[in-house]
Amino acid sequence: MTVTVVAEIGSSPAPVWNFEHWCRAAWKAGANSIKGQMFLGEHFGAAEAVSKRPLEFPRHRLAEFVRTAHGHGLSAGVSVFDDEAVALAAQHCDFLKLAYREKQNDELTQAAVYAARDRDLPLYRTID
């Protein structure tokens, strides 16, 4: 059995997004994978959107995040909250994770399942 230890950077690196620092820390901690969260502030209700917007993963830097992770011997992925995040993760990442708060979103779940299957990628989800 292979054990996967995923270091969760969440949205905590914002606004700097120093991938080198976070990947090095994950590797030193013994993780073999690293994951961020890929959401848009607008995805949440109006009150929460304001606080979430500054924490958005810089989607244009996803390939850089994955390259940096690979440079530290880590696989890389993101929790997906929307269809664009699914497509980007399937294109660049080693795995996808369905965001826990989206567990009831059947359309997003289906999109993630198909994208992971089409690219032969693991799809992780949190079990209650």
C-alpha atoms as a PDB file:
ATOM      1  CA  MET A   1       0.000   0.000   0.000  1.00  0.00           C
ATOM      2  CA  THR A   2       1.257   3.473  -0.883  1.00  0.00           C
ATOM      3  CA  VAL A   3       0.677   6.220   1.667  1.00  0.00           C
ATOM      4  CA  THR A   4       0.201   9.745   0.362  1.00  0.00           C
ATOM      5  CA  VAL A   5       0.993  12.585   2.749  1.00  0.00           C
ATOM      6  CA  VAL A   6      -0.416  15.835   1.363  1.00  0.00           C
ATOM      7  CA  ALA A   7       0.832  19.154   2.710  1.00  0.00           C
ATOM      8  CA  GLU A   8      -2.043  21.632   2.558  1.00  0.00           C
ATOM      9  CA  ILE A   9      -1.010  25.176   1.739  1.00  0.00           C
ATOM     10  CA  GLY A  10      -4.643  26.205   1.350  1.00  0.00           C
ATOM     11  CA  SER A  11      -4.713  29.907   0.730  1.00  0.00           C
ATOM     12  CA  SER A  12      -2.272  30.716   3.524  1.00  0.00           C
ATOM     13  CA  PRO A  13       0.589  31.837   1.251  1.00  0.00           C
ATOM     14  CA  ALA A  14      -1.417  34.789  -0.068  1.00  0.00           C
ATOM     15  CA  PRO A  15      -0.536  37.429  -1.054  1.00  0.00           C
ATOM     16  CA  VAL A  16       3.087  36.387  -1.635  1.00  0.00           C
ATOM     17  CA  TRP A  17       2.614  32.848  -2.988  1.00  0.00           C
ATOM     18  CA  ASN A  18       6.215  31.808  -2.449  1.00  0.00           C
ATOM     19  CA  PHE A  19       5.949  28.322  -3.930  1.00  0.00           C
ATOM     20  CA  GLU A  20       9.626  27.566  -3.324  1.00  0.00           C
ATOM     21  CA  HIS A  21       9.282  28.232   0.409  1.00  0.00           C
ATOM     22  CA  TRP A  22       6.096  26.188   0.800  1.00  0.00           C
ATOM     23  CA  CYS A  23       7.315  23.244  -1.281  1.00  0.00           C
ATOM     24  CA  ARG A  24      10.610  23.119   0.620  1.00  0.00           C
ATOM     25  CA  ALA A  25       8.720  23.161   3.934  1.00  0.00           C
ATOM     26  CA  ALA A  26       6.398  20.366   2.758  1.00  0.00           C
ATOM     27  CA  TRP A  27       9.344  18.240   1.658  1.00  0.00           C
ATOM     28  CA  LYS A  28      11.191  18.826   4.938  1.00  0.00           C
ATOM     29  CA  ALA A  29       8.062  17.837   6.865  1.00  0.00           C
ATOM     30  CA  GLY A  30       8.002  14.486   5.077  1.00  0.00           C
ATOM     31  CA  ALA A  31       5.114  15.090   2.686  1.00  0.00           C
ATOM     32  CA  ASN A  32       5.191  13.534  -0.760  1.00  0.00           C
ATOM     33  CA  SER A  33       2.455  15.801  -2.149  1.00  0.00           C
ATOM     34  CA  ILE A  34       1.347  19.404  -1.823  1.00  0.00           C
ATOM     35  CA  LYS A  35      -2.035  20.987  -2.462  1.00  0.00           C
ATOM     36  CA  GLY A  36      -3.563  24.432  -2.661  1.00  0.00           C
ATOM     37  CA  GLN A  37      -7.152  25.586  -2.963  1.00  0.00           C
ATOM     38  CA  MET A  38      -8.347  26.987  -6.265  1.00  0.00           C
ATOM     39  CA  PHE A  39     -11.444  29.079  -5.742  1.00  0.00           C
ATOM     40  CA  LEU A  40     -12.696  32.479  -6.825  1.00  0.00           C
ATOM     41  CA  GLY A  41     -14.038  34.859  -4.215  1.00  0.00           C
ATOM     42  CA  GLU A  42     -17.225  35.262  -6.210  1.00  0.00           C
ATOM     43  CA  HIS A  43     -17.951  31.574  -5.651  1.00  0.00           C
ATOM     44  CA  PHE A  44     -18.918  32.321  -2.060  1.00  0.00           C
ATOM     45  CA  GLY A  45     -21.734  34.467  -0.745  1.00  0.00           C
ATOM     46  CA  ALA A  46     -21.338  38.241  -0.964  1.00  0.00           C
ATOM     47  CA  ALA A  47     -20.189  38.647   2.638  1.00  0.00           C
ATOM     48  CA  GLU A  48     -17.530  35.932   2.365  1.00  0.00           C
ATOM     49  CA  ALA A  49     -16.414  36.897  -1.162  1.00  0.00           C
ATOM     50  CA  VAL A  50     -14.756  40.079   0.054  1.00  0.00           C
ATOM     51  CA  SER A  51     -12.528  38.206   2.497  1.00  0.00           C
ATOM     52  CA  LYS A  52     -11.808  35.345   0.064  1.00  0.00           C
ATOM     53  CA  ARG A  53     -10.845  37.432  -2.993  1.00  0.00           C
ATOM     54  CA  PRO A  54      -7.331  38.323  -1.716  1.00  0.00           C
ATOM     55  CA  LEU A  55      -6.707  34.620  -0.973  1.00  0.00           C
ATOM     56  CA  GLU A  56      -7.393  33.337  -4.488  1.00  0.00           C
ATOM     57  CA  PHE A  57      -4.759  30.981  -5.860  1.00  0.00           C
ATOM     58  CA  PRO A  58      -3.043  32.749  -8.784  1.00  0.00           C
ATOM     59  CA  ARG A  59      -4.367  30.534 -11.566  1.00  0.00           C
ATOM     60  CA  HIS A  60      -1.882  31.925 -14.072  1.00  0.00           C
ATOM     61  CA  ARG A  61       0.901  30.502 -11.861  1.00  0.00           C
ATOM     62  CA  LEU A  62      -0.439  26.940 -11.540  1.00  0.00           C
ATOM     63  CA  ALA A  63       2.164  25.445 -13.898  1.00  0.00           C
ATOM     64  CA  GLU A  64       4.908  27.203 -11.902  1.00  0.00           C
ATOM     65  CA  PHE A  65       3.505  25.737  -8.665  1.00  0.00           C
ATOM     66  CA  VAL A  66       3.557  22.233 -10.158  1.00  0.00           C
ATOM     67  CA  ARG A  67       7.119  22.637 -11.524  1.00  0.00           C
ATOM     68  CA  THR A  68       8.316  23.880  -8.128  1.00  0.00           C
ATOM     69  CA  ALA A  69       6.670  20.944  -6.375  1.00  0.00           C
ATOM     70  CA  HIS A  70       8.248  18.507  -8.807  1.00  0.00           C
ATOM     71  CA  GLY A  71      11.627  20.123  -8.163  1.00  0.00           C
ATOM     72  CA  HIS A  72      11.218  19.061  -4.534  1.00  0.00           C
ATOM     73  CA  GLY A  73      10.065  15.545  -5.398  1.00  0.00           C
ATOM     74  CA  LEU A  74       6.439  16.340  -4.582  1.00  0.00           C
ATOM     75  CA  SER A  75       3.317  15.679  -6.571  1.00  0.00           C
ATOM     76  CA  ALA A  76       1.050  18.719  -6.806  1.00  0.00           C
ATOM     77  CA  GLY A  77      -2.671  19.303  -6.906  1.00  0.00           C
ATOM     78  CA  VAL A  78      -5.438  21.687  -5.965  1.00  0.00           C
ATOM     79  CA  SER A  79      -8.858  21.510  -4.402  1.00  0.00           C
ATOM     80  CA  VAL A  80     -11.314  22.495  -7.119  1.00  0.00           C
ATOM     81  CA  PHE A  81     -14.367  24.681  -6.593  1.00  0.00           C
ATOM     82  CA  ASP A  82     -15.447  25.404 -10.189  1.00  0.00           C
ATOM     83  CA  ASP A  83     -15.252  24.039 -13.734  1.00  0.00           C
ATOM     84  CA  GLU A  84     -12.324  26.248 -14.748  1.00  0.00           C
ATOM     85  CA  ALA A  85     -10.332  24.989 -11.758  1.00  0.00           C
ATOM     86  CA  VAL A  86     -11.125  21.407 -12.793  1.00  0.00           C
ATOM     87  CA  ALA A  87      -9.838  22.043 -16.323  1.00  0.00           C
ATOM     88  CA  LEU A  88      -6.664  23.776 -15.112  1.00  0.00           C
ATOM     89  CA  ALA A  89      -5.922  21.090 -12.540  1.00  0.00           C
ATOM     90  CA  ALA A  90      -6.463  18.326 -15.089  1.00  0.00           C
ATOM     91  CA  GLN A  91      -4.092  20.087 -17.474  1.00  0.00           C
ATOM     92  CA  HIS A  92      -1.272  20.843 -15.029  1.00  0.00           C
ATOM     93  CA  CYS A  93      -1.578  18.862 -11.799  1.00  0.00           C
ATOM     94  CA  ASP A  94      -0.772  15.320 -10.707  1.00  0.00           C
ATOM     95  CA  PHE A  95      -4.102  14.954  -8.881  1.00  0.00           C
ATOM     96  CA  LEU A  96      -7.364  16.763  -8.242  1.00  0.00           C
ATOM     97  CA  LYS A  97      -9.213  17.148  -4.953  1.00  0.00           C
ATOM     98  CA  LEU A  98     -12.896  17.940  -4.825  1.00  0.00           C
ATOM     99  CA  ALA A  99     -13.301  20.759  -2.319  1.00  0.00           C
ATOM    100  CA  TYR A 100     -15.100  19.522   0.784  1.00  0.00           C
ATOM    101  CA  ARG A 101     -17.623  22.317   0.740  1.00  0.00           C
ATOM    102  CA  GLU A 102     -18.547  21.249  -2.805  1.00  0.00           C
ATOM    103  CA  LYS A 103     -19.364  17.661  -1.817  1.00  0.00           C
ATOM    104  CA  GLN A 104     -23.060  18.185  -2.673  1.00  0.00           C
ATOM    105  CA  ASN A 105     -22.272  19.814  -6.040  1.00  0.00           C
ATOM    106  CA  ASP A 106     -23.102  16.944  -8.371  1.00  0.00           C
ATOM    107  CA  GLU A 107     -22.207  18.837 -11.563  1.00  0.00           C
ATOM    108  CA  LEU A 108     -18.747  19.751 -10.267  1.00  0.00           C
ATOM    109  CA  THR A 109     -18.219  16.217  -8.958  1.00  0.00           C
ATOM    110  CA  GLN A 110     -19.095  14.797 -12.369  1.00  0.00           C
ATOM    111  CA  ALA A 111     -16.764  17.252 -14.133  1.00  0.00           C
ATOM    112  CA  ALA A 112     -13.921  16.334 -11.761  1.00  0.00           C
ATOM    113  CA  VAL A 113     -14.528  12.594 -12.176  1.00  0.00           C
ATOM    114  CA  TYR A 114     -14.481  12.847 -15.971  1.00  0.00           C
ATOM    115  CA  ALA A 115     -11.427  15.138 -16.046  1.00  0.00           C
ATOM    116  CA  ALA A 116      -9.461  12.874 -13.705  1.00  0.00           C
ATOM    117  CA  ARG A 117     -10.460   9.785 -15.655  1.00  0.00           C
ATOM    118  CA  ASP A 118      -9.606  11.352 -19.023  1.00  0.00           C
ATOM    119  CA  ARG A 119      -6.136  12.327 -17.790  1.00  0.00           C
ATOM    120  CA  ASP A 120      -5.640   9.183 -15.667  1.00  0.00           C
ATOM    121  CA  LEU A 121      -5.221  11.284 -12.511  1.00  0.00           C
ATOM    122  CA  PRO A 122      -6.166  10.448  -8.947  1.00  0.00           C
ATOM    123  CA  LEU A 123      -9.215  12.299  -7.636  1.00  0.00           C
ATOM    124  CA  TYR A 124      -9.319  12.778  -3.887  1.00  0.00           C
ATOM    125  CA  ARG A 125     -12.275  13.760  -1.788  1.00  0.00           C
ATOM    126  CA  THR A 126     -12.904  14.082   1.923  1.00  0.00           C
ATOM    127  CA  ILE A 127     -15.138  11.453   3.445  1.00  0.00           C
ATOM    128  CA  ASP A 128     -17.419  12.461   6.322  1.00  0.00           C
END
